[in-house]
Amino acid sequence: MRKVYTLLQVTEAVRRAIDDRVRGQWFWVKVEMVKLNHYPHSGHCYPDFVERRDGRVAAQMRGMIWARDYEKIAREFHEVVGEPLRDGMELLVEAGVRFHPVHGLSLQVRRVDPHYSLGGLLRRRRETIQRLKAEGLFDQNRQRPFPLLPKVLAVVSVATSKGYQDFRAVVDASPFPVVHKLFPAFLQGEEAVPSIVRQLRRIARHMDVFDAVLIVRGGGGEVGLSAYDAYPLAHAIAAHPLPVLTGIGHSTNQTVAEQVSWRSFITPTDMARFVVGRFEEAAAYATDAAGRLHHSVARILREESVNLIRRGGRLRVITSHRLGREAQQVADWKRRMRLAAARRMEKARQHLYGMERAIHALSPRNVLKRGYALVELNGKIVTSAAMLREGMVIRTIFSDGRAESIVLQTQKEEDHDGRETDV
């Protein structure tokens, strides 16, 4: 006849077997707490623990923290890391194996080592830094040129964040034209990294509009800032085409995001003062430059005025000497011109006198006085015997009178060349 056991008998047997083996034993276990599962009404916690290998869950077990233990654990953890226990943390817990007929197998946690969680953060931080340096990105954003006057800013934050309100209080109260546009994102928790990376990529698509990117967050402890050591976020900041400024809260050690950013600030207020300070420095420089320019111009005007007076005196002396020399030259020229004109006029007078004598000598009247006569025929001078015929009445003009005669005969005679001419 077969023996039949109840389910309770089986579970009780399992409980007794486990208790006989590990009852009263406590040991340290490394776990990843997927979910805390804290119940405020009772104060108890039933966290889900896993271990991952190559990205897959290799082991999974339910945890249990009684209210009295959770209160002490939560207080110590917050004192060390500055943040409460939350989902997604790597923990080192002191626990014992327990089995309950209803709730099954679980790890009862009585202590948590908060320093281990800080050590895990530091390890991931070193891994992220080494990866960025290997890719040549670690110093890339710090080498971006920062505008002299950052007039248009893209702010990644939450509208209700105290850090963002502190930033606005300083910037908006300044007299300078600083324009800032909010790109809302989660600043902590599991959604922080993808949310901030998404907004950084969105800003990069409009990089021609903005001068710089600001990531603004309030205070927080080391664990609360663990998202800012994550490689995806650090990579997005380091490779961003615009200079990225971070003001993500009070922290003893800089996160990777702060180390790769163009510049990091302890508080958003310090970041805002830096932005406003750029305008104040430019305004002070412009005022100082204007003063220096005014003094320089006044000094130059004074020096040039003295030089002008000195040069004016030298110019008067030089002009006086030059005018004296030029006046003497003009006088010499006038004297030479008068002599030249006199000589030219005398020469012209002599030429005219010679011409007058030649003209007087060639005057018809004087020619006639030398024994010559003019013969007219019908009022015209006769220049050739061929113009005359027998019987024509001609008039002969002498220097002292006239005579009329009749042509009786004409004859030809040879000229000096042997040719015949009319006579």
Protein backbone atom coordinates (compact mmCIF):
# COMPACT_ATOMS: atom_id res chain seq x y z
CA MET A 1 0.00 0.00 0.00
CA ARG A 2 1.46 3.37 -1.03
CA LYS A 3 2.01 6.17 1.42
CA VAL A 4 0.53 9.59 0.63
CA TYR A 5 1.84 12.86 2.11
CA THR A 6 0.05 16.16 2.36
CA LEU A 7 1.57 19.28 0.86
CA LEU A 8 2.05 20.72 4.32
CA GLN A 9 3.96 17.60 5.34
CA VAL A 10 6.25 17.97 2.34
CA THR A 11 6.89 21.67 2.93
CA GLU A 12 7.45 21.05 6.63
CA ALA A 13 9.95 18.34 5.77
CA VAL A 14 11.77 20.75 3.46
CA ARG A 15 11.73 23.41 6.17
CA ARG A 16 13.16 21.01 8.76
CA ALA A 17 15.85 19.86 6.35
CA ILE A 18 16.92 23.40 5.59
CA ASP A 19 16.72 24.43 9.24
CA ASP A 20 18.81 21.44 10.32
CA ARG A 21 21.48 22.40 7.76
CA VAL A 22 21.66 26.21 7.91
CA ARG A 23 19.58 27.20 10.92
CA GLY A 24 21.26 30.03 12.81
CA GLN A 25 23.84 30.58 10.09
CA TRP A 26 24.37 34.04 8.58
CA PHE A 27 26.57 34.75 5.57
CA TRP A 28 27.33 37.62 3.21
CA VAL A 29 25.76 37.45 -0.26
CA LYS A 30 26.30 39.73 -3.28
CA VAL A 31 22.97 40.46 -4.93
CA GLU A 32 21.30 42.83 -7.35
CA MET A 33 18.08 44.15 -5.87
CA VAL A 34 15.65 44.32 -8.78
CA LYS A 35 12.78 45.63 -6.65
CA LEU A 36 12.63 46.70 -3.01
CA ASN A 37 8.92 45.87 -2.38
CA HIS A 38 8.62 47.91 0.82
CA TYR A 39 5.21 47.93 2.47
CA PRO A 40 4.82 51.12 4.55
CA HIS A 41 1.77 49.92 6.52
CA SER A 42 3.71 46.98 8.01
CA GLY A 43 7.25 48.26 7.51
CA HIS A 44 8.40 44.92 6.09
CA CYS A 45 10.27 44.53 2.78
CA TYR A 46 10.24 41.61 0.36
CA PRO A 47 12.93 42.47 -2.18
CA ASP A 48 13.59 40.50 -5.37
CA PHE A 49 17.23 39.45 -5.66
CA VAL A 50 18.95 38.24 -8.83
CA GLU A 51 22.41 37.44 -10.15
CA ARG A 52 23.15 38.09 -13.83
CA ARG A 53 25.67 36.29 -15.99
CA ASP A 54 26.32 37.63 -19.50
CA GLY A 55 23.23 39.78 -19.26
CA ARG A 56 20.97 36.89 -18.27
CA VAL A 57 19.45 36.03 -14.91
CA ALA A 58 21.47 33.08 -13.58
CA ALA A 59 19.86 32.95 -10.13
CA GLN A 60 16.81 34.49 -8.50
CA MET A 61 15.55 34.47 -4.94
CA ARG A 62 13.05 36.31 -2.82
CA GLY A 63 14.30 38.37 0.10
CA MET A 64 12.78 39.33 3.40
CA ILE A 65 13.62 42.21 5.70
CA TRP A 66 11.59 42.64 8.86
CA ALA A 67 10.46 46.11 9.78
CA ARG A 68 12.82 46.42 12.79
CA ASP A 69 15.81 45.46 10.63
CA TYR A 70 14.76 47.58 7.65
CA GLU A 71 14.52 50.74 9.79
CA LYS A 72 18.11 50.30 10.99
CA ILE A 73 19.42 49.26 7.54
CA ALA A 74 17.75 52.19 5.79
CA ARG A 75 19.10 54.69 8.32
CA GLU A 76 22.71 53.44 8.12
CA PHE A 77 22.58 53.21 4.33
CA HIS A 78 21.36 56.78 4.00
CA GLU A 79 24.00 58.06 6.42
CA VAL A 80 26.80 56.50 4.36
CA VAL A 81 25.67 56.98 0.77
CA GLY A 82 23.28 59.90 1.23
CA GLU A 83 20.42 58.13 -0.56
CA PRO A 84 17.76 55.61 0.44
CA LEU A 85 17.74 52.03 -0.76
CA ARG A 86 16.20 51.83 -4.21
CA ASP A 87 15.60 49.47 -7.07
CA GLY A 88 18.51 48.42 -9.28
CA MET A 89 21.26 48.61 -6.65
CA GLU A 90 24.07 46.14 -6.17
CA LEU A 91 24.17 45.17 -2.47
CA LEU A 92 26.23 43.10 -0.11
CA VAL A 93 23.75 41.70 2.40
CA GLU A 94 24.14 39.55 5.50
CA ALA A 95 21.38 37.00 5.25
CA GLY A 96 20.22 33.55 6.25
CA VAL A 97 18.29 30.99 4.21
CA ARG A 98 14.72 30.53 5.36
CA PHE A 99 11.86 28.38 4.14
CA HIS A 100 8.20 28.96 4.86
CA PRO A 101 5.47 26.50 3.88
CA VAL A 102 3.40 29.32 2.34
CA HIS A 103 5.97 31.87 1.18
CA GLY A 104 8.62 29.41 0.07
CA LEU A 105 12.38 29.84 0.07
CA SER A 106 13.86 33.28 0.81
CA LEU A 107 16.86 35.15 2.14
CA GLN A 108 16.23 36.85 5.44
CA VAL A 109 18.37 40.01 5.46
CA ARG A 110 19.49 41.50 8.73
CA ARG A 111 22.33 43.79 7.57
CA VAL A 112 23.47 45.64 4.42
CA ASP A 113 27.02 46.90 3.88
CA PRO A 114 26.56 50.42 2.38
CA HIS A 115 30.29 50.75 1.61
CA TYR A 116 30.05 47.91 -0.89
CA SER A 117 27.45 49.89 -2.87
CA LEU A 118 29.80 52.86 -2.95
CA GLY A 119 32.61 50.58 -4.11
CA GLY A 120 30.45 49.29 -6.95
CA LEU A 121 29.76 52.85 -8.05
CA LEU A 122 33.48 53.61 -8.07
CA ARG A 123 34.20 50.48 -10.09
CA ARG A 124 31.61 51.36 -12.73
CA ARG A 125 32.95 54.91 -12.77
CA ARG A 126 36.49 53.70 -13.53
CA GLU A 127 35.20 51.38 -16.27
CA THR A 128 33.30 54.24 -17.93
CA ILE A 129 36.34 56.55 -17.79
CA GLN A 130 38.65 53.90 -19.27
CA ARG A 131 36.21 53.23 -22.10
CA LEU A 132 35.83 56.92 -22.99
CA LYS A 133 39.59 57.43 -22.95
CA ALA A 134 40.10 54.42 -25.19
CA GLU A 135 37.61 55.97 -27.66
CA GLY A 136 39.34 59.36 -27.51
CA LEU A 137 36.21 61.06 -26.17
CA PHE A 138 37.15 61.84 -22.59
CA ASP A 139 38.51 65.35 -23.30
CA GLN A 140 36.51 66.10 -26.45
CA ASN A 141 33.76 68.31 -25.02
CA ARG A 142 36.19 70.33 -22.90
CA GLN A 143 37.95 71.29 -26.14
CA ARG A 144 34.79 72.81 -27.64
CA PRO A 145 35.02 76.60 -28.07
CA PHE A 146 32.76 78.38 -25.60
CA PRO A 147 31.05 81.58 -26.83
CA LEU A 148 32.10 84.86 -25.30
CA LEU A 149 28.44 85.66 -24.59
CA PRO A 150 26.23 82.55 -24.16
CA LYS A 151 22.94 84.20 -25.14
CA VAL A 152 20.75 81.15 -25.95
CA LEU A 153 20.94 78.13 -23.63
CA ALA A 154 19.35 74.67 -23.77
CA VAL A 155 18.61 73.51 -20.22
CA VAL A 156 18.06 69.82 -19.45
CA SER A 157 16.19 69.66 -16.15
CA VAL A 158 12.75 69.39 -14.55
CA ALA A 159 10.54 72.45 -14.29
CA THR A 160 9.81 71.67 -10.61
CA SER A 161 13.45 71.02 -9.71
CA LYS A 162 14.78 73.31 -7.01
CA GLY A 163 18.10 73.42 -8.83
CA TYR A 164 16.39 74.68 -11.98
CA GLN A 165 14.46 77.29 -9.99
CA ASP A 166 17.70 78.46 -8.36
CA PHE A 167 19.29 78.74 -11.82
CA ARG A 168 16.38 80.80 -13.15
CA ALA A 169 16.35 83.08 -10.12
CA VAL A 170 19.89 84.23 -10.90
CA VAL A 171 19.67 84.36 -14.71
CA ASP A 172 16.25 86.00 -14.96
CA ALA A 173 17.20 88.65 -12.40
CA SER A 174 20.24 89.73 -14.42
CA PRO A 175 19.99 92.72 -16.79
CA PHE A 176 21.51 90.71 -19.63
CA PRO A 177 19.61 89.11 -22.56
CA VAL A 178 20.04 85.42 -21.62
CA VAL A 179 17.43 83.18 -23.26
CA HIS A 180 17.02 79.63 -21.93
CA LYS A 181 14.73 76.85 -23.12
CA LEU A 182 13.85 73.90 -20.91
CA PHE A 183 14.16 70.34 -22.22
CA PRO A 184 12.39 68.26 -19.51
CA ALA A 185 14.05 65.02 -18.43
CA PHE A 186 14.18 62.68 -15.46
CA LEU A 187 17.19 63.57 -13.31
CA GLN A 188 17.48 60.38 -11.25
CA GLY A 189 16.26 56.82 -11.19
CA GLU A 190 16.20 54.23 -13.93
CA GLU A 191 14.74 56.66 -16.49
CA ALA A 192 17.38 59.34 -15.91
CA VAL A 193 19.99 58.08 -18.40
CA PRO A 194 17.71 57.42 -21.43
CA SER A 195 15.70 60.57 -20.69
CA ILE A 196 18.70 62.91 -20.56
CA VAL A 197 20.40 61.22 -23.55
CA ARG A 198 17.21 61.64 -25.58
CA GLN A 199 17.07 65.36 -24.87
CA LEU A 200 20.79 65.81 -25.64
CA ARG A 201 20.25 64.24 -29.04
CA ARG A 202 17.24 66.47 -29.62
CA ILE A 203 19.30 69.58 -28.81
CA ALA A 204 22.12 68.40 -31.11
CA ARG A 205 19.69 68.44 -34.05
CA HIS A 206 19.21 72.19 -33.43
CA MET A 207 22.80 73.05 -32.50
CA ASP A 208 22.74 76.15 -34.73
CA VAL A 209 20.12 77.70 -32.40
CA PHE A 210 21.90 77.26 -29.06
CA ASP A 211 25.24 78.42 -27.68
CA ALA A 212 25.58 75.78 -24.94
CA VAL A 213 23.80 72.96 -23.09
CA LEU A 214 23.21 73.00 -19.31
CA ILE A 215 22.29 69.94 -17.25
CA VAL A 216 20.74 71.28 -14.06
CA ARG A 217 19.92 69.17 -11.01
CA GLY A 218 19.59 69.75 -7.28
CA GLY A 219 21.64 68.08 -4.56
CA GLY A 220 22.00 64.37 -4.05
CA GLY A 221 24.22 61.67 -2.60
CA GLU A 222 26.63 59.39 -4.37
CA VAL A 223 24.09 56.70 -5.23
CA GLY A 224 21.58 59.24 -6.38
CA LEU A 225 24.20 60.42 -8.82
CA SER A 226 25.09 56.95 -10.09
CA ALA A 227 23.23 57.63 -13.36
CA TYR A 228 25.83 60.28 -14.14
CA ASP A 229 28.56 57.62 -14.16
CA ALA A 230 26.72 55.53 -16.75
CA TYR A 231 28.56 55.17 -20.04
CA PRO A 232 25.62 56.09 -22.37
CA LEU A 233 25.11 59.44 -20.62
CA ALA A 234 28.82 60.22 -20.31
CA HIS A 235 29.31 59.35 -23.99
CA ALA A 236 26.41 61.61 -25.04
CA ILE A 237 27.93 64.54 -23.11
CA ALA A 238 31.52 63.98 -24.27
CA ALA A 239 30.54 63.66 -27.95
CA HIS A 240 27.97 66.48 -27.97
CA PRO A 241 28.65 69.15 -30.65
CA LEU A 242 27.92 71.96 -28.17
CA PRO A 243 29.78 72.69 -24.92
CA VAL A 244 27.90 71.00 -22.05
CA LEU A 245 27.87 72.51 -18.55
CA THR A 246 26.81 70.38 -15.58
CA GLY A 247 25.42 71.51 -12.25
CA ILE A 248 24.11 68.28 -10.80
CA GLY A 249 24.46 68.86 -7.09
CA HIS A 250 26.74 68.58 -4.11
CA SER A 251 29.16 65.67 -4.37
CA THR A 252 32.57 64.97 -2.91
CA ASN A 253 33.77 63.05 -5.97
CA GLN A 254 33.03 64.21 -9.48
CA THR A 255 30.87 61.94 -11.59
CA VAL A 256 32.05 60.92 -15.04
CA ALA A 257 29.44 63.23 -16.59
CA GLU A 258 31.01 66.15 -14.73
CA GLN A 259 34.53 65.12 -15.70
CA VAL A 260 33.78 64.95 -19.44
CA SER A 261 31.63 68.09 -19.55
CA TRP A 262 33.04 71.43 -20.70
CA ARG A 263 32.81 72.64 -17.12
CA SER A 264 31.10 71.40 -13.95
CA PHE A 265 29.63 73.38 -11.07
CA ILE A 266 28.81 72.30 -7.53
CA THR A 267 25.39 73.93 -7.65
CA PRO A 268 23.04 75.27 -10.35
CA THR A 269 23.39 78.68 -8.70
CA ASP A 270 27.15 78.64 -9.37
CA MET A 271 26.41 77.70 -12.98
CA ALA A 272 23.99 80.60 -13.36
CA ARG A 273 26.52 83.00 -11.85
CA PHE A 274 29.10 81.78 -14.36
CA VAL A 275 26.75 82.48 -17.28
CA VAL A 276 25.85 85.92 -15.97
CA GLY A 277 29.48 86.52 -15.12
CA ARG A 278 30.45 86.15 -18.78
CA PHE A 279 28.23 89.13 -19.58
CA GLU A 280 29.47 91.08 -16.56
CA GLU A 281 33.08 90.48 -17.59
CA ALA A 282 32.32 91.55 -21.15
CA ALA A 283 30.50 94.66 -19.91
CA ALA A 284 33.36 95.51 -17.53
CA TYR A 285 35.89 94.94 -20.30
CA ALA A 286 33.88 97.14 -22.69
CA THR A 287 33.63 99.89 -20.05
CA ASP A 288 37.33 99.64 -19.28
CA ALA A 289 38.15 99.58 -22.99
CA ALA A 290 35.97 102.65 -23.57
CA GLY A 291 37.80 104.47 -20.75
CA ARG A 292 41.19 103.47 -22.11
CA LEU A 293 40.10 104.51 -25.59
CA HIS A 294 38.89 107.88 -24.30
CA HIS A 295 42.18 108.53 -22.51
CA SER A 296 44.17 107.32 -25.49
CA VAL A 297 42.25 109.55 -27.87
CA ALA A 298 42.64 112.55 -25.52
CA ARG A 299 46.37 111.88 -25.19
CA ILE A 300 46.78 111.48 -28.94
CA LEU A 301 44.84 114.70 -29.57
CA ARG A 302 47.04 116.57 -27.10
CA GLU A 303 50.21 115.18 -28.65
CA GLU A 304 48.99 115.90 -32.17
CA SER A 305 47.94 119.40 -31.15
CA VAL A 306 51.44 120.10 -29.84
CA ASN A 307 52.93 118.54 -32.95
CA LEU A 308 50.61 120.60 -35.13
CA ILE A 309 51.65 123.83 -33.41
CA ARG A 310 55.31 122.86 -33.71
CA ARG A 311 54.90 121.90 -37.34
CA GLY A 312 52.88 125.07 -37.97
CA GLY A 313 55.78 127.17 -36.66
CA ARG A 314 58.26 125.26 -38.79
CA LEU A 315 55.90 125.58 -41.74
CA ARG A 316 55.69 129.36 -41.33
CA VAL A 317 59.48 129.66 -41.23
CA ILE A 318 59.90 127.32 -44.19
CA THR A 319 57.11 129.12 -46.07
CA SER A 320 58.65 132.52 -45.35
CA HIS A 321 62.05 131.36 -46.59
CA ARG A 322 60.49 129.69 -49.59
CA LEU A 323 58.42 132.75 -50.43
CA GLY A 324 61.53 134.94 -50.14
CA ARG A 325 63.43 132.67 -52.53
CA GLU A 326 60.46 132.47 -54.88
CA ALA A 327 60.01 136.29 -54.79
CA GLN A 328 63.68 136.76 -55.67
CA GLN A 329 63.30 134.24 -58.48
CA VAL A 330 60.19 136.06 -59.72
CA ALA A 331 62.08 139.36 -59.66
CA ASP A 332 64.94 137.77 -61.58
CA TRP A 333 62.50 136.29 -64.05
CA LYS A 334 60.78 139.68 -64.49
CA ARG A 335 64.12 141.40 -65.07
CA ARG A 336 65.21 138.76 -67.55
CA MET A 337 61.81 138.90 -69.25
CA ARG A 338 62.01 142.69 -69.55
CA LEU A 339 65.51 142.45 -71.08
CA ALA A 340 64.44 139.63 -73.36
CA ALA A 341 61.31 141.55 -74.35
CA ALA A 342 63.34 144.69 -75.03
CA ARG A 343 65.79 142.73 -77.16
CA ARG A 344 62.92 141.02 -78.95
CA MET A 345 61.14 144.31 -79.56
CA GLU A 346 64.32 146.00 -80.82
CA LYS A 347 64.92 143.11 -83.15
CA ALA A 348 61.33 143.28 -84.36
CA ARG A 349 61.62 147.07 -84.78
CA GLN A 350 64.74 146.67 -86.87
CA HIS A 351 63.00 143.98 -88.91
CA LEU A 352 59.99 146.22 -89.44
CA TYR A 353 62.26 149.13 -90.37
CA GLY A 354 63.99 146.98 -92.98
CA MET A 355 60.63 145.86 -94.32
CA GLU A 356 59.41 149.43 -94.40
CA ARG A 357 62.44 150.51 -96.41
CA ALA A 358 61.97 147.57 -98.78
CA ILE A 359 58.30 148.39 -99.20
CA HIS A 360 59.11 152.09 -99.67
CA ALA A 361 61.68 151.19 -102.27
CA LEU A 362 59.19 148.97 -104.09
CA SER A 363 56.45 151.60 -104.01
CA PRO A 364 55.07 152.21 -107.56
CA ARG A 365 55.63 155.92 -107.22
CA ASN A 366 59.30 155.45 -106.33
CA VAL A 367 59.65 152.88 -109.11
CA LEU A 368 58.24 155.42 -111.59
CA LYS A 369 60.65 158.05 -110.33
CA ARG A 370 63.49 155.79 -111.39
CA GLY A 371 62.36 156.13 -115.03
CA TYR A 372 59.77 153.42 -115.26
CA ALA A 373 56.22 154.02 -116.60
CA LEU A 374 52.90 152.16 -116.56
CA VAL A 375 50.85 151.57 -119.69
CA GLU A 376 47.06 151.29 -119.38
CA LEU A 377 44.59 150.08 -121.93
CA ASN A 378 40.99 150.63 -121.09
CA GLY A 379 41.90 150.97 -117.39
CA LYS A 380 44.00 147.83 -117.30
CA ILE A 381 47.76 147.60 -117.04
CA VAL A 382 49.41 146.37 -120.22
CA THR A 383 51.92 143.66 -119.37
CA SER A 384 52.67 142.37 -122.90
CA ALA A 385 52.97 143.84 -126.41
CA ALA A 386 50.69 141.10 -127.60
CA MET A 387 47.86 142.94 -125.86
CA LEU A 388 48.23 145.94 -128.25
CA ARG A 389 47.04 146.47 -131.78
CA GLU A 390 47.69 149.27 -134.21
CA GLY A 391 45.40 152.20 -133.68
CA MET A 392 44.70 151.50 -130.01
CA VAL A 393 44.76 154.49 -127.66
CA ILE A 394 46.88 153.81 -124.63
CA ARG A 395 47.63 155.85 -121.52
CA THR A 396 51.18 156.11 -120.17
CA ILE A 397 51.57 156.94 -116.47
CA PHE A 398 54.74 158.67 -115.27
CA SER A 399 55.78 159.68 -111.77
CA ASP A 400 54.74 163.26 -112.41
CA GLY A 401 51.87 162.87 -114.92
CA ARG A 402 50.11 161.03 -117.75
CA ALA A 403 50.11 160.96 -121.54
CA GLU A 404 47.87 159.38 -124.15
CA SER A 405 49.22 157.93 -127.41
CA ILE A 406 48.18 155.83 -130.38
CA VAL A 407 49.86 152.51 -131.21
CA LEU A 408 51.35 152.81 -134.63
CA GLN A 409 53.17 149.49 -134.80
CA THR A 410 54.15 146.48 -132.68
CA GLN A 411 57.08 144.18 -133.27
CA LYS A 412 58.61 141.15 -131.68
CA GLU A 413 62.11 140.82 -130.31
CA GLU A 414 64.04 138.05 -128.68
CA ASP A 415 64.40 137.95 -124.87
CA HIS A 416 67.59 137.12 -123.11
CA ASP A 417 66.94 133.37 -123.63
CA GLY A 418 66.64 133.78 -127.41
CA ARG A 419 62.86 133.64 -127.47
CA GLU A 420 60.83 136.24 -129.37
CA THR A 421 58.75 138.82 -127.50
CA ASP A 422 56.31 141.46 -128.66
CA VAL A 423 57.50 145.12 -128.45
